[in-house]
Amino acid sequence: MAPDDGSDAADRAGHRKGDHYSHGDGTDEIVFAVDEGHVLAIREYRSVEDFERAVEDAEYVGVHDGVADLPGAEAFEPGGPDE
């Protein structure tokens, strides 16, 4: 998966929870979990329109209960409910 060319991309092959990536299109992506070679990431778009463009060709398959039951984004912000 990682290039073997000595680039910093090879150093990032060991993805960890909390790794934060900034894409050239303005979206941010944060690794939420890594398990058995799978990566679960959360992606933030700069606008609703950007999100809609990104998913326009995707098939909507419903609500994922494991995610729907998580606390809202405000719980993860500095000064959130636990701070």
Protein backbone atom coordinates (compact mmCIF):
# COMPACT_ATOMS: atom_id res chain seq x y z
CA MET A 1 0.00 0.00 0.00
CA ALA A 2 2.74 2.46 0.86
CA PRO A 3 5.23 3.52 -1.80
CA ASP A 4 8.75 2.25 -1.34
CA ASP A 5 10.39 5.36 -2.75
CA GLY A 6 11.58 7.02 0.47
CA SER A 7 8.83 9.65 0.35
CA ASP A 8 6.96 10.81 3.44
CA ALA A 9 3.93 8.90 2.13
CA ALA A 10 5.76 5.69 3.04
CA ASP A 11 6.16 6.98 6.59
CA ARG A 12 2.38 7.50 6.86
CA ALA A 13 1.51 3.87 6.09
CA GLY A 14 0.83 3.18 9.78
CA HIS A 15 -2.37 5.22 10.02
CA ARG A 16 -3.54 5.94 13.56
CA LYS A 17 -6.71 7.21 15.19
CA GLY A 18 -6.63 11.00 15.11
CA ASP A 19 -4.44 11.36 12.00
CA HIS A 20 -5.63 14.54 10.23
CA TYR A 21 -5.33 15.15 6.48
CA SER A 22 -6.13 18.32 4.56
CA HIS A 23 -7.15 17.82 0.92
CA GLY A 24 -6.45 20.32 -1.85
CA ASP A 25 -10.19 20.78 -2.44
CA GLY A 26 -10.64 22.19 1.07
CA THR A 27 -11.96 19.07 2.79
CA ASP A 28 -10.46 17.70 6.00
CA GLU A 29 -10.25 13.99 6.75
CA ILE A 30 -9.59 12.49 10.17
CA VAL A 31 -8.90 8.84 10.93
CA PHE A 32 -11.45 7.58 13.46
CA ALA A 33 -10.40 3.91 13.68
CA VAL A 34 -8.00 1.43 12.10
CA ASP A 35 -8.73 -2.28 12.45
CA GLU A 36 -7.49 -5.31 10.50
CA GLY A 37 -6.36 -3.23 7.52
CA HIS A 38 -9.54 -1.15 7.32
CA VAL A 39 -9.62 2.59 7.94
CA LEU A 40 -12.69 4.47 9.16
CA ALA A 41 -12.36 8.19 8.50
CA ILE A 42 -14.57 11.20 9.01
CA ARG A 43 -14.51 13.78 6.21
CA GLU A 44 -15.59 17.40 6.61
CA TYR A 45 -16.68 19.34 3.55
CA ARG A 46 -16.55 23.14 3.34
CA SER A 47 -20.16 23.38 2.17
CA VAL A 48 -23.32 21.34 1.70
CA GLU A 49 -22.92 21.80 -2.05
CA ASP A 50 -19.40 20.28 -1.94
CA PHE A 51 -20.77 17.26 -0.05
CA GLU A 52 -23.67 16.85 -2.47
CA ARG A 53 -21.29 16.90 -5.44
CA ALA A 54 -19.08 14.29 -3.76
CA VAL A 55 -21.96 11.85 -3.16
CA GLU A 56 -24.13 12.50 -6.23
CA ASP A 57 -23.01 9.22 -7.85
CA ALA A 58 -23.07 7.19 -4.61
CA GLU A 59 -25.91 4.89 -3.60
CA TYR A 60 -27.68 5.97 -0.40
CA VAL A 61 -28.09 2.86 1.78
CA GLY A 62 -29.75 4.32 4.88
CA VAL A 63 -28.64 5.37 8.36
CA HIS A 64 -25.74 3.63 10.11
CA ASP A 65 -27.00 3.11 13.68
CA GLY A 66 -23.50 2.86 15.16
CA VAL A 67 -22.73 6.37 13.95
CA ALA A 68 -26.19 7.83 14.51
CA ASP A 69 -25.90 6.91 18.21
CA LEU A 70 -22.61 8.82 18.69
CA PRO A 71 -22.72 12.22 20.43
CA GLY A 72 -22.92 15.31 18.24
CA ALA A 73 -19.85 17.15 16.94
CA GLU A 74 -20.05 19.66 19.80
CA ALA A 75 -18.98 16.89 22.19
CA PHE A 76 -15.61 16.75 20.44
CA GLU A 77 -14.95 20.50 20.29
CA PRO A 78 -12.65 22.21 22.80
CA GLY A 79 -14.75 23.27 25.76
CA GLY A 80 -17.34 20.59 24.94
CA PRO A 81 -19.46 18.84 27.54
CA ASP A 82 -16.57 16.88 29.10
CA GLU A 83 -14.29 19.90 29.60
